[in-house]
């Protein structure tokens, strides 16, 4: 299994980060594999897949590069650099980590991913520059136009996991982070079920980076050595990942106001005030006022979970959102 040795101090210092580059790389993998983790992502994939495939058809070397870098057994390390620790740096700053990789380093990574020699057409190319150009295209054409909504979903995921951390400790957070990952105890973190040698992570900086595409995640570390930074890139929880794509019914918006309707629609699963602020982009005071009105009207309920108060739609709220009655 992929096993990391993580001591208590390193784990206690672990941080959640927002990364535009990680989000863009996950979107590249979604385009490459033509897979979607939820309905909203399927709509995004259908919208952008044709342009992506046309781009690669016009550049077969880059197409071959993507296929080699994202294999079933390994993702080429130069394509997934570890975060520097800056929270939400600009994409143009992050992508420089890919461009700065040496061509020989990239070729070594691709041989590892392929489990053998490079195809001839990749052997003489400056692979990091090609990869960075492709990621920049994916960012500008498919991610940036929707980045504010994606960022809110990512921030809501961080809020949710931080709340779980306060209630159940790191074991509860890590076990629910991504398939195949779990805390084994005794400073042992299984990051995936693959048969890789254990890595000593104690003393390094440890980051956790949510991305919205479902089913796409990876682990990474600083290269070349020393490996002083490690990261786990993981998909946002399913209910959050699709939450920002749920349309507010027009009639409901006219009835109670579009901002309040947005809050009610998002209460399909219990959420805290902080999560709703992150998902809607509305201010804390505005969300609080909407929740009070919805609660007083019997459209929303609330319950305590640890130190958090979670709001949810009542049966009356469900009927109003669905636009029907039982009569």
C-alpha atoms as a PDB file:
ATOM      1  CA  UNK A   1       0.000   0.000   0.000  1.00  0.00           C
ATOM      2  CA  UNK A   2       1.030   3.658  -0.329  1.00  0.00           C
ATOM      3  CA  UNK A   3       2.053   4.358   3.265  1.00  0.00           C
ATOM      4  CA  UNK A   4       3.230   7.633   4.785  1.00  0.00           C
ATOM      5  CA  UNK A   5       4.847   7.796   8.214  1.00  0.00           C
ATOM      6  CA  UNK A   6       3.470  10.980   9.781  1.00  0.00           C
ATOM      7  CA  UNK A   7       4.250  11.926  13.373  1.00  0.00           C
ATOM      8  CA  UNK A   8       1.826  13.819  15.606  1.00  0.00           C
ATOM      9  CA  UNK A   9       3.534  17.211  15.207  1.00  0.00           C
ATOM     10  CA  UNK A  10       3.490  17.031  11.406  1.00  0.00           C
ATOM     11  CA  UNK A  11      -0.158  15.995  11.373  1.00  0.00           C
ATOM     12  CA  UNK A  12      -1.115  18.712  13.848  1.00  0.00           C
ATOM     13  CA  UNK A  13       0.513  21.266  11.539  1.00  0.00           C
ATOM     14  CA  UNK A  14      -1.373  20.019   8.466  1.00  0.00           C
ATOM     15  CA  UNK A  15      -3.189  22.753   6.548  1.00  0.00           C
ATOM     16  CA  UNK A  16      -6.000  22.961   4.008  1.00  0.00           C
ATOM     17  CA  UNK A  17      -5.223  25.078   0.942  1.00  0.00           C
ATOM     18  CA  UNK A  18      -7.022  26.442  -2.122  1.00  0.00           C
ATOM     19  CA  UNK A  19      -5.050  25.874  -5.334  1.00  0.00           C
ATOM     20  CA  UNK A  20      -6.105  27.027  -8.789  1.00  0.00           C
ATOM     21  CA  UNK A  21      -3.393  24.829 -10.318  1.00  0.00           C
ATOM     22  CA  UNK A  22      -4.654  21.696  -8.549  1.00  0.00           C
ATOM     23  CA  UNK A  23      -8.213  22.499  -9.675  1.00  0.00           C
ATOM     24  CA  UNK A  24      -6.992  22.981 -13.250  1.00  0.00           C
ATOM     25  CA  UNK A  25      -4.973  19.741 -13.206  1.00  0.00           C
ATOM     26  CA  UNK A  26      -8.002  17.818 -11.915  1.00  0.00           C
ATOM     27  CA  UNK A  27     -10.055  19.333 -14.752  1.00  0.00           C
ATOM     28  CA  UNK A  28      -7.371  18.272 -17.239  1.00  0.00           C
ATOM     29  CA  UNK A  29      -7.620  14.704 -15.926  1.00  0.00           C
ATOM     30  CA  UNK A  30     -11.424  14.835 -16.214  1.00  0.00           C
ATOM     31  CA  UNK A  31     -11.126  15.942 -19.839  1.00  0.00           C
ATOM     32  CA  UNK A  32      -8.463  13.331 -20.546  1.00  0.00           C
ATOM     33  CA  UNK A  33     -10.483  10.446 -19.063  1.00  0.00           C
ATOM     34  CA  UNK A  34     -13.859  11.871 -20.203  1.00  0.00           C
ATOM     35  CA  UNK A  35     -15.298  11.108 -16.768  1.00  0.00           C
ATOM     36  CA  UNK A  36     -17.607  13.150 -14.567  1.00  0.00           C
ATOM     37  CA  UNK A  37     -18.238  12.602 -10.891  1.00  0.00           C
ATOM     38  CA  UNK A  38     -21.613  14.344 -10.685  1.00  0.00           C
ATOM     39  CA  UNK A  39     -24.264  15.888 -12.980  1.00  0.00           C
ATOM     40  CA  UNK A  40     -22.843  19.402 -12.844  1.00  0.00           C
ATOM     41  CA  UNK A  41     -19.440  18.127 -13.896  1.00  0.00           C
ATOM     42  CA  UNK A  42     -21.014  16.182 -16.768  1.00  0.00           C
ATOM     43  CA  UNK A  43     -22.530  19.415 -18.090  1.00  0.00           C
ATOM     44  CA  UNK A  44     -19.114  21.111 -17.842  1.00  0.00           C
ATOM     45  CA  UNK A  45     -17.459  18.163 -19.623  1.00  0.00           C
ATOM     46  CA  UNK A  46     -19.990  18.194 -22.435  1.00  0.00           C
ATOM     47  CA  UNK A  47     -19.419  21.917 -22.892  1.00  0.00           C
ATOM     48  CA  UNK A  48     -15.622  21.799 -23.153  1.00  0.00           C
ATOM     49  CA  UNK A  49     -14.650  18.327 -24.370  1.00  0.00           C
ATOM     50  CA  UNK A  50     -14.981  19.148 -28.085  1.00  0.00           C
ATOM     51  CA  UNK A  51     -12.604  22.125 -27.892  1.00  0.00           C
ATOM     52  CA  UNK A  52     -10.124  20.137 -25.810  1.00  0.00           C
ATOM     53  CA  UNK A  53     -10.084  17.225 -28.245  1.00  0.00           C
ATOM     54  CA  UNK A  54      -9.692  19.614 -31.193  1.00  0.00           C
ATOM     55  CA  UNK A  55      -6.719  21.215 -29.452  1.00  0.00           C
ATOM     56  CA  UNK A  56      -4.976  17.859 -28.986  1.00  0.00           C
ATOM     57  CA  UNK A  57      -5.840  16.709 -32.494  1.00  0.00           C
ATOM     58  CA  UNK A  58      -3.895  19.706 -33.786  1.00  0.00           C
ATOM     59  CA  UNK A  59      -0.959  18.911 -31.477  1.00  0.00           C
ATOM     60  CA  UNK A  60      -0.380  15.136 -31.358  1.00  0.00           C
ATOM     61  CA  UNK A  61       2.861  15.492 -29.357  1.00  0.00           C
ATOM     62  CA  UNK A  62       1.025  17.172 -26.475  1.00  0.00           C
ATOM     63  CA  UNK A  63      -1.738  14.575 -26.794  1.00  0.00           C
ATOM     64  CA  UNK A  64       0.845  11.832 -26.418  1.00  0.00           C
ATOM     65  CA  UNK A  65       2.360  13.681 -23.464  1.00  0.00           C
ATOM     66  CA  UNK A  66      -0.938  13.774 -21.558  1.00  0.00           C
ATOM     67  CA  UNK A  67      -1.557  10.095 -22.213  1.00  0.00           C
ATOM     68  CA  UNK A  68       1.904   9.209 -20.943  1.00  0.00           C
ATOM     69  CA  UNK A  69       1.784  11.506 -17.903  1.00  0.00           C
ATOM     70  CA  UNK A  70      -1.568  10.195 -16.634  1.00  0.00           C
ATOM     71  CA  UNK A  71      -1.235   6.428 -16.664  1.00  0.00           C
ATOM     72  CA  UNK A  72      -3.101   3.829 -14.614  1.00  0.00           C
ATOM     73  CA  UNK A  73      -0.044   3.127 -12.482  1.00  0.00           C
ATOM     74  CA  UNK A  74       1.376   6.598 -11.841  1.00  0.00           C
ATOM     75  CA  UNK A  75       0.941  10.319 -12.532  1.00  0.00           C
ATOM     76  CA  UNK A  76       4.123  12.021 -13.685  1.00  0.00           C
ATOM     77  CA  UNK A  77       5.395  14.094 -10.752  1.00  0.00           C
ATOM     78  CA  UNK A  78       6.359  17.147 -12.827  1.00  0.00           C
ATOM     79  CA  UNK A  79       2.686  17.594 -13.738  1.00  0.00           C
ATOM     80  CA  UNK A  80       1.576  17.739 -10.081  1.00  0.00           C
ATOM     81  CA  UNK A  81       4.029  19.860  -8.071  1.00  0.00           C
ATOM     82  CA  UNK A  82       3.487  20.144  -4.330  1.00  0.00           C
ATOM     83  CA  UNK A  83       1.987  23.453  -3.139  1.00  0.00           C
ATOM     84  CA  UNK A  84       4.417  25.980  -1.716  1.00  0.00           C
ATOM     85  CA  UNK A  85       2.183  26.641   1.283  1.00  0.00           C
ATOM     86  CA  UNK A  86       0.801  29.983   0.118  1.00  0.00           C
ATOM     87  CA  UNK A  87      -2.991  29.986   0.435  1.00  0.00           C
ATOM     88  CA  UNK A  88      -4.616  30.520  -2.968  1.00  0.00           C
ATOM     89  CA  UNK A  89      -1.666  31.885  -4.953  1.00  0.00           C
ATOM     90  CA  UNK A  90      -2.335  33.227  -8.442  1.00  0.00           C
ATOM     91  CA  UNK A  91      -2.469  30.555 -11.134  1.00  0.00           C
ATOM     92  CA  UNK A  92       0.269  32.306 -13.136  1.00  0.00           C
ATOM     93  CA  UNK A  93       2.535  31.988 -10.111  1.00  0.00           C
ATOM     94  CA  UNK A  94       1.722  28.339  -9.502  1.00  0.00           C
ATOM     95  CA  UNK A  95       2.215  27.255 -13.098  1.00  0.00           C
ATOM     96  CA  UNK A  96       5.811  28.465 -12.956  1.00  0.00           C
ATOM     97  CA  UNK A  97       6.592  25.383 -10.862  1.00  0.00           C
ATOM     98  CA  UNK A  98       5.733  23.231 -13.880  1.00  0.00           C
ATOM     99  CA  UNK A  99       7.623  25.421 -16.351  1.00  0.00           C
ATOM    100  CA  UNK A 100      10.709  25.424 -14.097  1.00  0.00           C
ATOM    101  CA  UNK A 101      11.062  21.617 -14.142  1.00  0.00           C
ATOM    102  CA  UNK A 102      14.009  20.364 -16.176  1.00  0.00           C
ATOM    103  CA  UNK A 103      13.317  18.416 -19.359  1.00  0.00           C
ATOM    104  CA  UNK A 104      15.345  15.475 -18.036  1.00  0.00           C
ATOM    105  CA  UNK A 105      13.349  15.425 -14.814  1.00  0.00           C
ATOM    106  CA  UNK A 106      10.140  15.307 -16.840  1.00  0.00           C
ATOM    107  CA  UNK A 107      11.449  12.462 -18.997  1.00  0.00           C
ATOM    108  CA  UNK A 108      12.361  10.461 -15.885  1.00  0.00           C
ATOM    109  CA  UNK A 109       8.865  11.017 -14.486  1.00  0.00           C
ATOM    110  CA  UNK A 110       7.291   9.840 -17.733  1.00  0.00           C
ATOM    111  CA  UNK A 111       9.420   6.684 -17.806  1.00  0.00           C
ATOM    112  CA  UNK A 112       8.186   5.948 -14.272  1.00  0.00           C
ATOM    113  CA  UNK A 113       4.569   6.571 -15.293  1.00  0.00           C
ATOM    114  CA  UNK A 114       4.895   4.410 -18.398  1.00  0.00           C
ATOM    115  CA  UNK A 115       6.973   1.719 -16.756  1.00  0.00           C
ATOM    116  CA  UNK A 116       9.335   1.765 -19.731  1.00  0.00           C
ATOM    117  CA  UNK A 117      11.019   3.918 -22.381  1.00  0.00           C
ATOM    118  CA  UNK A 118       9.574   7.108 -23.777  1.00  0.00           C
ATOM    119  CA  UNK A 119       7.904   7.245 -27.177  1.00  0.00           C
ATOM    120  CA  UNK A 120      10.367   8.736 -29.662  1.00  0.00           C
ATOM    121  CA  UNK A 121       8.298  11.889 -30.272  1.00  0.00           C
ATOM    122  CA  UNK A 122       8.546  12.843 -26.567  1.00  0.00           C
ATOM    123  CA  UNK A 123      12.250  12.250 -26.143  1.00  0.00           C
ATOM    124  CA  UNK A 124      13.476  15.477 -27.718  1.00  0.00           C
ATOM    125  CA  UNK A 125      10.763  17.898 -26.568  1.00  0.00           C
ATOM    126  CA  UNK A 126      10.779  20.412 -23.745  1.00  0.00           C
ATOM    127  CA  UNK A 127       7.986  18.580 -21.952  1.00  0.00           C
ATOM    128  CA  UNK A 128       7.436  20.899 -18.953  1.00  0.00           C
ATOM    129  CA  UNK A 129       6.796  23.863 -21.268  1.00  0.00           C
ATOM    130  CA  UNK A 130       4.258  21.877 -23.294  1.00  0.00           C
ATOM    131  CA  UNK A 131       2.506  20.666 -20.144  1.00  0.00           C
ATOM    132  CA  UNK A 132       2.395  24.193 -18.708  1.00  0.00           C
ATOM    133  CA  UNK A 133       0.945  25.572 -21.951  1.00  0.00           C
ATOM    134  CA  UNK A 134      -1.780  22.925 -21.923  1.00  0.00           C
ATOM    135  CA  UNK A 135      -2.645  23.556 -18.265  1.00  0.00           C
ATOM    136  CA  UNK A 136      -2.784  27.278 -18.967  1.00  0.00           C
ATOM    137  CA  UNK A 137      -5.262  26.642 -21.808  1.00  0.00           C
ATOM    138  CA  UNK A 138      -7.430  24.490 -19.529  1.00  0.00           C
ATOM    139  CA  UNK A 139      -7.317  27.197 -16.844  1.00  0.00           C
ATOM    140  CA  UNK A 140      -8.214  30.110 -19.123  1.00  0.00           C
ATOM    141  CA  UNK A 141     -10.878  28.387 -21.197  1.00  0.00           C
ATOM    142  CA  UNK A 142     -12.587  25.951 -18.816  1.00  0.00           C
ATOM    143  CA  UNK A 143     -11.822  26.893 -15.198  1.00  0.00           C
ATOM    144  CA  UNK A 144     -11.272  30.651 -14.909  1.00  0.00           C
ATOM    145  CA  UNK A 145     -14.763  31.626 -16.192  1.00  0.00           C
ATOM    146  CA  UNK A 146     -16.222  29.572 -13.337  1.00  0.00           C
ATOM    147  CA  UNK A 147     -13.479  30.016 -10.734  1.00  0.00           C
ATOM    148  CA  UNK A 148     -15.389  32.118  -8.211  1.00  0.00           C
ATOM    149  CA  UNK A 149     -18.105  29.466  -7.859  1.00  0.00           C
ATOM    150  CA  UNK A 150     -15.545  26.654  -7.729  1.00  0.00           C
ATOM    151  CA  UNK A 151     -13.542  28.500  -5.087  1.00  0.00           C
ATOM    152  CA  UNK A 152     -16.630  28.907  -2.905  1.00  0.00           C
ATOM    153  CA  UNK A 153     -17.317  25.169  -3.110  1.00  0.00           C
ATOM    154  CA  UNK A 154     -13.709  24.401  -2.198  1.00  0.00           C
ATOM    155  CA  UNK A 155     -13.852  26.791   0.758  1.00  0.00           C
ATOM    156  CA  UNK A 156     -17.103  25.199   1.920  1.00  0.00           C
ATOM    157  CA  UNK A 157     -15.431  21.791   1.772  1.00  0.00           C
ATOM    158  CA  UNK A 158     -12.560  23.105   3.909  1.00  0.00           C
ATOM    159  CA  UNK A 159     -15.057  24.465   6.426  1.00  0.00           C
ATOM    160  CA  UNK A 160     -16.851  21.105   6.590  1.00  0.00           C
ATOM    161  CA  UNK A 161     -13.645  19.108   7.060  1.00  0.00           C
ATOM    162  CA  UNK A 162     -12.302  21.564   9.615  1.00  0.00           C
ATOM    163  CA  UNK A 163     -15.519  21.079  11.584  1.00  0.00           C
ATOM    164  CA  UNK A 164     -15.079  17.309  11.388  1.00  0.00           C
ATOM    165  CA  UNK A 165     -11.528  17.741  12.622  1.00  0.00           C
ATOM    166  CA  UNK A 166     -12.767  19.555  15.703  1.00  0.00           C
ATOM    167  CA  UNK A 167     -15.304  16.822  16.441  1.00  0.00           C
ATOM    168  CA  UNK A 168     -13.463  13.591  15.622  1.00  0.00           C
ATOM    169  CA  UNK A 169      -9.784  14.459  15.173  1.00  0.00           C
ATOM    170  CA  UNK A 170      -7.596  13.771  12.168  1.00  0.00           C
ATOM    171  CA  UNK A 171      -8.621  10.111  11.942  1.00  0.00           C
ATOM    172  CA  UNK A 172     -12.220  11.135  11.145  1.00  0.00           C
ATOM    173  CA  UNK A 173     -11.046  13.633   8.512  1.00  0.00           C
ATOM    174  CA  UNK A 174      -8.512  11.397   6.792  1.00  0.00           C
ATOM    175  CA  UNK A 175     -10.744   8.327   6.586  1.00  0.00           C
ATOM    176  CA  UNK A 176     -13.377  10.327   4.676  1.00  0.00           C
ATOM    177  CA  UNK A 177     -10.993  12.240   2.405  1.00  0.00           C
ATOM    178  CA  UNK A 178     -10.593   9.971  -0.632  1.00  0.00           C
ATOM    179  CA  UNK A 179     -11.105   6.286  -1.581  1.00  0.00           C
ATOM    180  CA  UNK A 180      -8.335   4.020  -0.319  1.00  0.00           C
ATOM    181  CA  UNK A 181      -7.102   6.539   2.228  1.00  0.00           C
ATOM    182  CA  UNK A 182      -7.311   5.914   5.979  1.00  0.00           C
ATOM    183  CA  UNK A 183      -5.496   6.512   9.214  1.00  0.00           C
ATOM    184  CA  UNK A 184      -4.021   3.228  10.450  1.00  0.00           C
ATOM    185  CA  UNK A 185      -2.754   4.529  13.782  1.00  0.00           C
ATOM    186  CA  UNK A 186       0.796   4.400  15.038  1.00  0.00           C
ATOM    187  CA  UNK A 187       1.827   7.365  12.813  1.00  0.00           C
ATOM    188  CA  UNK A 188       0.778   5.432   9.681  1.00  0.00           C
ATOM    189  CA  UNK A 189      -1.321   7.063   6.981  1.00  0.00           C
ATOM    190  CA  UNK A 190      -2.418   4.925   4.047  1.00  0.00           C
ATOM    191  CA  UNK A 191      -2.733   7.370   1.157  1.00  0.00           C
ATOM    192  CA  UNK A 192      -3.746   4.772  -1.454  1.00  0.00           C
ATOM    193  CA  UNK A 193      -3.992   0.980  -1.787  1.00  0.00           C
ATOM    194  CA  UNK A 194      -1.073   0.711  -4.228  1.00  0.00           C
ATOM    195  CA  UNK A 195       2.048  -1.303  -3.459  1.00  0.00           C
ATOM    196  CA  UNK A 196       4.597   1.501  -3.054  1.00  0.00           C
ATOM    197  CA  UNK A 197       7.457   1.748  -0.521  1.00  0.00           C
ATOM    198  CA  UNK A 198       6.638   3.707   2.673  1.00  0.00           C
ATOM    199  CA  UNK A 199       7.658   7.376   2.759  1.00  0.00           C
ATOM    200  CA  UNK A 200       8.869   9.238   5.848  1.00  0.00           C
ATOM    201  CA  UNK A 201       6.839  12.440   5.978  1.00  0.00           C
ATOM    202  CA  UNK A 202       7.499  13.427   9.597  1.00  0.00           C
ATOM    203  CA  UNK A 203       9.068  16.872   9.850  1.00  0.00           C
ATOM    204  CA  UNK A 204       7.800  18.021   6.447  1.00  0.00           C
ATOM    205  CA  UNK A 205       4.949  20.429   5.776  1.00  0.00           C
ATOM    206  CA  UNK A 206       1.695  18.618   5.027  1.00  0.00           C
ATOM    207  CA  UNK A 207      -1.116  20.113   2.932  1.00  0.00           C
ATOM    208  CA  UNK A 208      -4.631  19.003   1.972  1.00  0.00           C
ATOM    209  CA  UNK A 209      -6.043  20.484  -1.236  1.00  0.00           C
ATOM    210  CA  UNK A 210      -9.718  20.024  -2.260  1.00  0.00           C
ATOM    211  CA  UNK A 211     -10.749  20.064  -5.938  1.00  0.00           C
ATOM    212  CA  UNK A 212     -14.273  20.040  -7.337  1.00  0.00           C
ATOM    213  CA  UNK A 213     -13.975  17.342 -10.070  1.00  0.00           C
ATOM    214  CA  UNK A 214     -15.209  14.123  -8.510  1.00  0.00           C
ATOM    215  CA  UNK A 215     -13.057  11.019  -8.570  1.00  0.00           C
ATOM    216  CA  UNK A 216      -9.818  12.865  -9.348  1.00  0.00           C
ATOM    217  CA  UNK A 217      -7.156  13.102  -6.680  1.00  0.00           C
ATOM    218  CA  UNK A 218      -3.488  12.330  -6.127  1.00  0.00           C
ATOM    219  CA  UNK A 219      -0.625  12.692  -3.687  1.00  0.00           C
ATOM    220  CA  UNK A 220       2.485  14.729  -4.404  1.00  0.00           C
ATOM    221  CA  UNK A 221       5.694  15.965  -2.847  1.00  0.00           C
ATOM    222  CA  UNK A 222       8.408  18.511  -3.513  1.00  0.00           C
ATOM    223  CA  UNK A 223      10.876  17.518  -6.205  1.00  0.00           C
ATOM    224  CA  UNK A 224      13.783  17.345  -6.542  1.00  0.00           C
ATOM    225  CA  UNK A 225      14.807  16.358  -2.960  1.00  0.00           C
ATOM    226  CA  UNK A 226      14.757  17.279  -0.175  1.00  0.00           C
ATOM    227  CA  UNK A 227      11.065  16.413   0.102  1.00  0.00           C
ATOM    228  CA  UNK A 228      10.034  19.079   2.596  1.00  0.00           C
ATOM    229  CA  UNK A 229       6.449  19.431   1.347  1.00  0.00           C
ATOM    230  CA  UNK A 230       3.777  16.763   0.853  1.00  0.00           C
ATOM    231  CA  UNK A 231       0.181  17.162  -0.258  1.00  0.00           C
ATOM    232  CA  UNK A 232      -2.988  15.135  -0.650  1.00  0.00           C
ATOM    233  CA  UNK A 233      -5.262  16.450  -3.410  1.00  0.00           C
ATOM    234  CA  UNK A 234      -8.787  15.143  -2.861  1.00  0.00           C
ATOM    235  CA  UNK A 235     -12.253  15.695  -4.332  1.00  0.00           C
ATOM    236  CA  UNK A 236     -14.766  17.837  -2.492  1.00  0.00           C
ATOM    237  CA  UNK A 237     -17.513  15.874  -0.797  1.00  0.00           C
ATOM    238  CA  UNK A 238     -20.235  14.960  -3.262  1.00  0.00           C
ATOM    239  CA  UNK A 239     -23.053  17.054  -1.814  1.00  0.00           C
ATOM    240  CA  UNK A 240     -20.894  20.164  -1.813  1.00  0.00           C
ATOM    241  CA  UNK A 241     -19.327  19.577  -5.213  1.00  0.00           C
ATOM    242  CA  UNK A 242     -22.686  19.733  -6.942  1.00  0.00           C
ATOM    243  CA  UNK A 243     -24.301  22.256  -4.588  1.00  0.00           C
ATOM    244  CA  UNK A 244     -23.159  25.353  -6.431  1.00  0.00           C
ATOM    245  CA  UNK A 245     -24.637  24.049  -9.683  1.00  0.00           C
ATOM    246  CA  UNK A 246     -28.184  23.656  -8.362  1.00  0.00           C
ATOM    247  CA  UNK A 247     -30.387  26.221 -10.078  1.00  0.00           C
ATOM    248  CA  UNK A 248     -32.755  28.357  -8.034  1.00  0.00           C
ATOM    249  CA  UNK A 249     -36.311  27.924  -9.369  1.00  0.00           C
ATOM    250  CA  UNK A 250     -37.428  31.197 -10.905  1.00  0.00           C
ATOM    251  CA  UNK A 251     -40.840  31.130  -9.215  1.00  0.00           C
ATOM    252  CA  UNK A 252     -39.234  30.505  -5.818  1.00  0.00           C
ATOM    253  CA  UNK A 253     -36.891  33.447  -6.358  1.00  0.00           C
ATOM    254  CA  UNK A 254     -39.820  35.725  -7.144  1.00  0.00           C
ATOM    255  CA  UNK A 255     -41.696  34.501  -4.064  1.00  0.00           C
ATOM    256  CA  UNK A 256     -39.050  34.865  -1.353  1.00  0.00           C
ATOM    257  CA  UNK A 257     -36.227  36.693  -3.152  1.00  0.00           C
ATOM    258  CA  UNK A 258     -33.369  35.123  -5.124  1.00  0.00           C
ATOM    259  CA  UNK A 259     -30.758  35.380  -2.345  1.00  0.00           C
ATOM    260  CA  UNK A 260     -33.008  33.761   0.271  1.00  0.00           C
ATOM    261  CA  UNK A 261     -34.144  31.156  -2.260  1.00  0.00           C
ATOM    262  CA  UNK A 262     -30.504  30.271  -2.932  1.00  0.00           C
ATOM    263  CA  UNK A 263     -29.970  29.582   0.768  1.00  0.00           C
ATOM    264  CA  UNK A 264     -33.096  27.407   0.958  1.00  0.00           C
ATOM    265  CA  UNK A 265     -32.100  25.410  -2.123  1.00  0.00           C
ATOM    266  CA  UNK A 266     -28.661  24.718  -0.625  1.00  0.00           C
ATOM    267  CA  UNK A 267     -30.210  23.263   2.522  1.00  0.00           C
ATOM    268  CA  UNK A 268     -30.910  19.966   0.747  1.00  0.00           C
ATOM    269  CA  UNK A 269     -28.254  18.614   3.146  1.00  0.00           C
ATOM    270  CA  UNK A 270     -27.468  20.123   6.574  1.00  0.00           C
ATOM    271  CA  UNK A 271     -25.004  23.012   6.376  1.00  0.00           C
ATOM    272  CA  UNK A 272     -23.504  25.498   8.780  1.00  0.00           C
ATOM    273  CA  UNK A 273     -23.762  29.253   8.395  1.00  0.00           C
ATOM    274  CA  UNK A 274     -20.084  29.392   7.469  1.00  0.00           C
ATOM    275  CA  UNK A 275     -20.563  26.817   4.714  1.00  0.00           C
ATOM    276  CA  UNK A 276     -23.517  28.755   3.317  1.00  0.00           C
ATOM    277  CA  UNK A 277     -21.453  31.953   3.290  1.00  0.00           C
ATOM    278  CA  UNK A 278     -18.727  30.145   1.329  1.00  0.00           C
ATOM    279  CA  UNK A 279     -21.158  28.571  -1.138  1.00  0.00           C
ATOM    280  CA  UNK A 280     -23.324  31.620  -1.815  1.00  0.00           C
ATOM    281  CA  UNK A 281     -20.748  34.383  -1.649  1.00  0.00           C
ATOM    282  CA  UNK A 282     -23.213  36.362   0.501  1.00  0.00           C
ATOM    283  CA  UNK A 283     -22.091  38.091   3.694  1.00  0.00           C
ATOM    284  CA  UNK A 284     -22.426  36.456   7.097  1.00  0.00           C
ATOM    285  CA  UNK A 285     -25.064  38.957   8.202  1.00  0.00           C
ATOM    286  CA  UNK A 286     -27.163  38.397   5.081  1.00  0.00           C
ATOM    287  CA  UNK A 287     -27.053  34.608   5.390  1.00  0.00           C
ATOM    288  CA  UNK A 288     -27.925  34.874   9.083  1.00  0.00           C
ATOM    289  CA  UNK A 289     -30.972  37.019   8.325  1.00  0.00           C
ATOM    290  CA  UNK A 290     -32.153  34.636   5.595  1.00  0.00           C
ATOM    291  CA  UNK A 291     -31.801  31.660   7.940  1.00  0.00           C
ATOM    292  CA  UNK A 292     -33.783  33.428  10.675  1.00  0.00           C
ATOM    293  CA  UNK A 293     -36.636  34.198   8.280  1.00  0.00           C
ATOM    294  CA  UNK A 294     -36.639  30.637   6.928  1.00  0.00           C
ATOM    295  CA  UNK A 295     -36.519  29.193  10.440  1.00  0.00           C
ATOM    296  CA  UNK A 296     -39.318  31.446  11.731  1.00  0.00           C
ATOM    297  CA  UNK A 297     -41.440  30.494   8.710  1.00  0.00           C
ATOM    298  CA  UNK A 298     -40.959  26.779   9.385  1.00  0.00           C
ATOM    299  CA  UNK A 299     -39.090  26.253   6.111  1.00  0.00           C
ATOM    300  CA  UNK A 300     -35.769  25.423   7.798  1.00  0.00           C
ATOM    301  CA  UNK A 301     -34.825  23.620  10.982  1.00  0.00           C
ATOM    302  CA  UNK A 302     -31.602  23.527  12.926  1.00  0.00           C
ATOM    303  CA  UNK A 303     -29.695  21.129  15.120  1.00  0.00           C
ATOM    304  CA  UNK A 304     -26.394  21.159  16.925  1.00  0.00           C
ATOM    305  CA  UNK A 305     -23.525  18.941  15.796  1.00  0.00           C
ATOM    306  CA  UNK A 306     -20.563  19.268  18.132  1.00  0.00           C
ATOM    307  CA  UNK A 307     -19.742  22.971  18.279  1.00  0.00           C
ATOM    308  CA  UNK A 308     -21.584  23.741  15.027  1.00  0.00           C
ATOM    309  CA  UNK A 309     -25.224  24.554  14.330  1.00  0.00           C
ATOM    310  CA  UNK A 310     -26.454  22.944  11.122  1.00  0.00           C
ATOM    311  CA  UNK A 311     -29.498  24.136   9.178  1.00  0.00           C
ATOM    312  CA  UNK A 312     -31.658  21.910   6.985  1.00  0.00           C
ATOM    313  CA  UNK A 313     -34.864  22.092   4.955  1.00  0.00           C
ATOM    314  CA  UNK A 314     -38.045  21.027   6.698  1.00  0.00           C
ATOM    315  CA  UNK A 315     -40.836  19.170   4.921  1.00  0.00           C
ATOM    316  CA  UNK A 316     -42.538  22.520   4.264  1.00  0.00           C
ATOM    317  CA  UNK A 317     -39.301  23.823   2.781  1.00  0.00           C
ATOM    318  CA  UNK A 318     -39.041  20.749   0.543  1.00  0.00           C
ATOM    319  CA  UNK A 319     -42.554  21.304  -0.770  1.00  0.00           C
ATOM    320  CA  UNK A 320     -41.806  24.951  -1.514  1.00  0.00           C
ATOM    321  CA  UNK A 321     -38.567  24.151  -3.379  1.00  0.00           C
ATOM    322  CA  UNK A 322     -40.125  21.304  -5.344  1.00  0.00           C
ATOM    323  CA  UNK A 323     -43.131  23.454  -6.238  1.00  0.00           C
ATOM    324  CA  UNK A 324     -45.755  20.907  -5.311  1.00  0.00           C
ATOM    325  CA  UNK A 325     -48.048  19.933  -2.453  1.00  0.00           C
ATOM    326  CA  UNK A 326     -49.414  16.656  -1.150  1.00  0.00           C
ATOM    327  CA  UNK A 327     -53.017  17.729  -1.560  1.00  0.00           C
END
